[in-house]
Each structure stands twice: as C-alpha cells, then as structure tokens.
Amino acid sequence: MKDNLFHIDKFISTSRKVAFLTFLVASILLLIFYFTEFNGMIYFSLLFTISALFINAYYFLKLILFFNEKVKRNQILLSLFMMLLNIPLGLLYLEIGLNIYSHSNPI
C-alpha cells in the first residue's frame, strides 16, 4: 500500500510538471512565431500540439484511474484541473497562431 501511494505521489508530481511544461513550451513557441513570423514555425507548433495532446491525455486518463485512492483525491483533482486548464489555453494559442499566420506575408 505504501509503495502504491509513493507511486501515485510521483505520478501526480510528474503530471503537474507535464502540464506546466506543455504550457511553457507552447507559450515560447507562440512568442517565437509572433516575433519572427517564420511560417515554418507553424508546422512545428502543430506537431508539438498533437504530441502534447497525446501526452497530456495519457497522464489525464491515468490520474482518473488513480482517483479511487481516497487519501490523494484532492491532489489528483488539483492535477486534473491544471491539465484541464491547458485545453482553453491551447485553443486560444491556436486561434492567435492561425490569426498571425493568416495575416503574415508569404516569402
């Protein structure tokens, strides 16, 4: 039981890091694209978005499976909430990126 709780704690910590890092990398990619208007960045950003979606979905579903542990429910809920916050932010970043891309000059 104690090993299982340690594993859950480690997974919760990792899921929070994943949520934060995907937010941070997406923000950096958007800023790079905004300041450089390099059209190739949009393809890299799209690839990142798809891979981040799969990685975050894996951690999200795994946290839902760990939800039956009554001791760690509050921590799991906080991690799930942090991961869910990335969805509207990702959609906002996608909208901003596509708006910049549509108004950029082709080279």
C-alpha atoms as a PDB file:
ATOM      1  CA  MET A   1       0.000   0.000   0.000  1.00  0.00           C
ATOM      2  CA  LYS A   2       2.785   2.422   0.911  1.00  0.00           C
ATOM      3  CA  ASP A   3       4.620   1.705  -2.358  1.00  0.00           C
ATOM      4  CA  ASN A   4       1.408   2.347  -4.273  1.00  0.00           C
ATOM      5  CA  LEU A   5       0.971   5.738  -2.569  1.00  0.00           C
ATOM      6  CA  PHE A   6       4.572   6.649  -3.350  1.00  0.00           C
ATOM      7  CA  HIS A   7       3.974   5.707  -6.990  1.00  0.00           C
ATOM      8  CA  ILE A   8       0.824   7.842  -7.062  1.00  0.00           C
ATOM      9  CA  ASP A   9       2.669  10.801  -5.490  1.00  0.00           C
ATOM     10  CA  LYS A  10       5.395  10.537  -8.104  1.00  0.00           C
ATOM     11  CA  PHE A  11       2.848  10.294 -10.911  1.00  0.00           C
ATOM     12  CA  ILE A  12       0.934  13.320  -9.592  1.00  0.00           C
ATOM     13  CA  SER A  13       4.157  15.306  -9.479  1.00  0.00           C
ATOM     14  CA  THR A  14       5.084  14.232 -12.997  1.00  0.00           C
ATOM     15  CA  SER A  15       1.626  15.091 -14.362  1.00  0.00           C
ATOM     16  CA  ARG A  16       1.877  18.612 -12.906  1.00  0.00           C
ATOM     17  CA  LYS A  17       5.302  19.042 -14.473  1.00  0.00           C
ATOM     18  CA  VAL A  18       3.964  17.835 -17.819  1.00  0.00           C
ATOM     19  CA  ALA A  19       1.052  20.286 -17.647  1.00  0.00           C
ATOM     20  CA  PHE A  20       3.360  23.167 -16.769  1.00  0.00           C
ATOM     21  CA  LEU A  21       5.994  22.268 -19.373  1.00  0.00           C
ATOM     22  CA  THR A  22       3.466  21.944 -22.190  1.00  0.00           C
ATOM     23  CA  PHE A  23       2.090  25.368 -21.237  1.00  0.00           C
ATOM     24  CA  LEU A  24       5.596  26.845 -21.087  1.00  0.00           C
ATOM     25  CA  VAL A  25       6.753  25.364 -24.404  1.00  0.00           C
ATOM     26  CA  ALA A  26       3.517  26.409 -26.144  1.00  0.00           C
ATOM     27  CA  SER A  27       3.955  29.958 -24.826  1.00  0.00           C
ATOM     28  CA  ILE A  28       7.558  30.083 -26.039  1.00  0.00           C
ATOM     29  CA  LEU A  29       6.585  28.732 -29.465  1.00  0.00           C
ATOM     30  CA  LEU A  30       3.822  31.316 -29.789  1.00  0.00           C
ATOM     31  CA  LEU A  31       6.184  34.138 -28.818  1.00  0.00           C
ATOM     32  CA  ILE A  32       8.834  32.957 -31.280  1.00  0.00           C
ATOM     33  CA  PHE A  33       6.239  32.772 -34.045  1.00  0.00           C
ATOM     34  CA  TYR A  34       4.817  36.183 -33.104  1.00  0.00           C
ATOM     35  CA  PHE A  35       8.170  37.967 -33.186  1.00  0.00           C
ATOM     36  CA  THR A  36       9.763  36.196 -36.149  1.00  0.00           C
ATOM     37  CA  GLU A  37       6.675  35.390 -38.268  1.00  0.00           C
ATOM     38  CA  PHE A  38       8.647  32.423 -39.587  1.00  0.00           C
ATOM     39  CA  ASN A  39       5.991  30.359 -41.366  1.00  0.00           C
ATOM     40  CA  GLY A  40       7.829  27.086 -40.765  1.00  0.00           C
ATOM     41  CA  MET A  41       7.228  27.539 -37.030  1.00  0.00           C
ATOM     42  CA  ILE A  42       3.501  26.946 -37.515  1.00  0.00           C
ATOM     43  CA  TYR A  43       4.186  23.376 -38.671  1.00  0.00           C
ATOM     44  CA  PHE A  44       6.493  22.689 -35.752  1.00  0.00           C
ATOM     45  CA  SER A  45       3.877  24.149 -33.394  1.00  0.00           C
ATOM     46  CA  LEU A  46       1.189  21.942 -34.891  1.00  0.00           C
ATOM     47  CA  LEU A  47       3.381  18.869 -34.399  1.00  0.00           C
ATOM     48  CA  PHE A  48       4.027  19.942 -30.807  1.00  0.00           C
ATOM     49  CA  THR A  49       0.295  20.473 -30.209  1.00  0.00           C
ATOM     50  CA  ILE A  50      -0.580  16.990 -31.440  1.00  0.00           C
ATOM     51  CA  SER A  51       2.152  15.312 -29.400  1.00  0.00           C
ATOM     52  CA  ALA A  52       1.266  17.359 -26.292  1.00  0.00           C
ATOM     53  CA  LEU A  53      -2.364  16.321 -26.709  1.00  0.00           C
ATOM     54  CA  PHE A  54      -1.434  12.628 -26.599  1.00  0.00           C
ATOM     55  CA  ILE A  55       0.987  13.030 -23.698  1.00  0.00           C
ATOM     56  CA  ASN A  56      -1.468  15.062 -21.632  1.00  0.00           C
ATOM     57  CA  ALA A  57      -4.298  12.658 -22.449  1.00  0.00           C
ATOM     58  CA  TYR A  58      -2.215   9.734 -21.182  1.00  0.00           C
ATOM     59  CA  TYR A  59      -1.476  11.464 -17.871  1.00  0.00           C
ATOM     60  CA  PHE A  60      -5.064  12.673 -17.544  1.00  0.00           C
ATOM     61  CA  LEU A  61      -6.543   9.206 -18.035  1.00  0.00           C
ATOM     62  CA  LYS A  62      -4.004   7.639 -15.684  1.00  0.00           C
ATOM     63  CA  LEU A  63      -4.906  10.192 -12.990  1.00  0.00           C
ATOM     64  CA  ILE A  64      -8.565   9.330 -13.415  1.00  0.00           C
ATOM     65  CA  LEU A  65      -7.680   5.678 -12.811  1.00  0.00           C
ATOM     66  CA  PHE A  66      -5.834   6.682  -9.608  1.00  0.00           C
ATOM     67  CA  PHE A  67      -8.868   8.639  -8.397  1.00  0.00           C
ATOM     68  CA  ASN A  68     -10.118   5.702  -6.295  1.00  0.00           C
ATOM     69  CA  GLU A  69      -7.349   6.400  -3.732  1.00  0.00           C
ATOM     70  CA  LYS A  70      -9.258   8.392  -1.122  1.00  0.00           C
ATOM     71  CA  VAL A  71      -6.081   9.666   0.530  1.00  0.00           C
ATOM     72  CA  LYS A  72      -4.836  11.503  -2.560  1.00  0.00           C
ATOM     73  CA  ARG A  73      -8.120  12.713  -4.091  1.00  0.00           C
ATOM     74  CA  ASN A  74      -7.521  16.417  -3.511  1.00  0.00           C
ATOM     75  CA  GLN A  75      -4.065  16.266  -5.069  1.00  0.00           C
ATOM     76  CA  ILE A  76      -5.377  14.268  -8.011  1.00  0.00           C
ATOM     77  CA  LEU A  77      -8.216  16.764  -8.537  1.00  0.00           C
ATOM     78  CA  LEU A  78      -5.773  19.668  -8.484  1.00  0.00           C
ATOM     79  CA  SER A  79      -3.583  17.930 -11.066  1.00  0.00           C
ATOM     80  CA  LEU A  80      -6.603  17.167 -13.262  1.00  0.00           C
ATOM     81  CA  PHE A  81      -7.671  20.810 -13.020  1.00  0.00           C
ATOM     82  CA  MET A  82      -4.201  22.002 -14.013  1.00  0.00           C
ATOM     83  CA  MET A  83      -4.288  19.710 -17.030  1.00  0.00           C
ATOM     84  CA  LEU A  84      -7.777  20.854 -17.995  1.00  0.00           C
ATOM     85  CA  LEU A  85      -6.624  24.488 -17.929  1.00  0.00           C
ATOM     86  CA  ASN A  86      -4.314  23.701 -20.828  1.00  0.00           C
ATOM     87  CA  ILE A  87      -7.286  22.999 -23.125  1.00  0.00           C
ATOM     88  CA  PRO A  88      -8.700  26.551 -23.345  1.00  0.00           C
ATOM     89  CA  LEU A  89      -5.182  27.997 -23.340  1.00  0.00           C
ATOM     90  CA  GLY A  90      -4.220  25.685 -26.188  1.00  0.00           C
ATOM     91  CA  LEU A  91      -7.294  26.708 -28.156  1.00  0.00           C
ATOM     92  CA  LEU A  92      -6.518  30.381 -27.520  1.00  0.00           C
ATOM     93  CA  TYR A  93      -2.910  29.885 -28.659  1.00  0.00           C
ATOM     94  CA  LEU A  94      -4.130  28.033 -31.740  1.00  0.00           C
ATOM     95  CA  GLU A  95      -6.501  30.892 -32.584  1.00  0.00           C
ATOM     96  CA  ILE A  96      -3.763  33.502 -32.097  1.00  0.00           C
ATOM     97  CA  GLY A  97      -1.255  31.472 -34.129  1.00  0.00           C
ATOM     98  CA  LEU A  98      -3.668  30.939 -37.007  1.00  0.00           C
ATOM     99  CA  ASN A  99      -4.579  34.634 -36.943  1.00  0.00           C
ATOM    100  CA  ILE A 100      -0.898  35.618 -37.151  1.00  0.00           C
ATOM    101  CA  TYR A 101      -0.346  33.046 -39.899  1.00  0.00           C
ATOM    102  CA  SER A 102      -3.272  34.294 -41.976  1.00  0.00           C
ATOM    103  CA  HIS A 103      -2.004  37.885 -41.821  1.00  0.00           C
ATOM    104  CA  SER A 104       1.662  37.105 -42.481  1.00  0.00           C
ATOM    105  CA  ASN A 105       3.341  37.845 -45.781  1.00  0.00           C
ATOM    106  CA  PRO A 106       4.446  34.831 -47.823  1.00  0.00           C
ATOM    107  CA  ILE A 107       8.132  34.707 -48.572  1.00  0.00           C
END
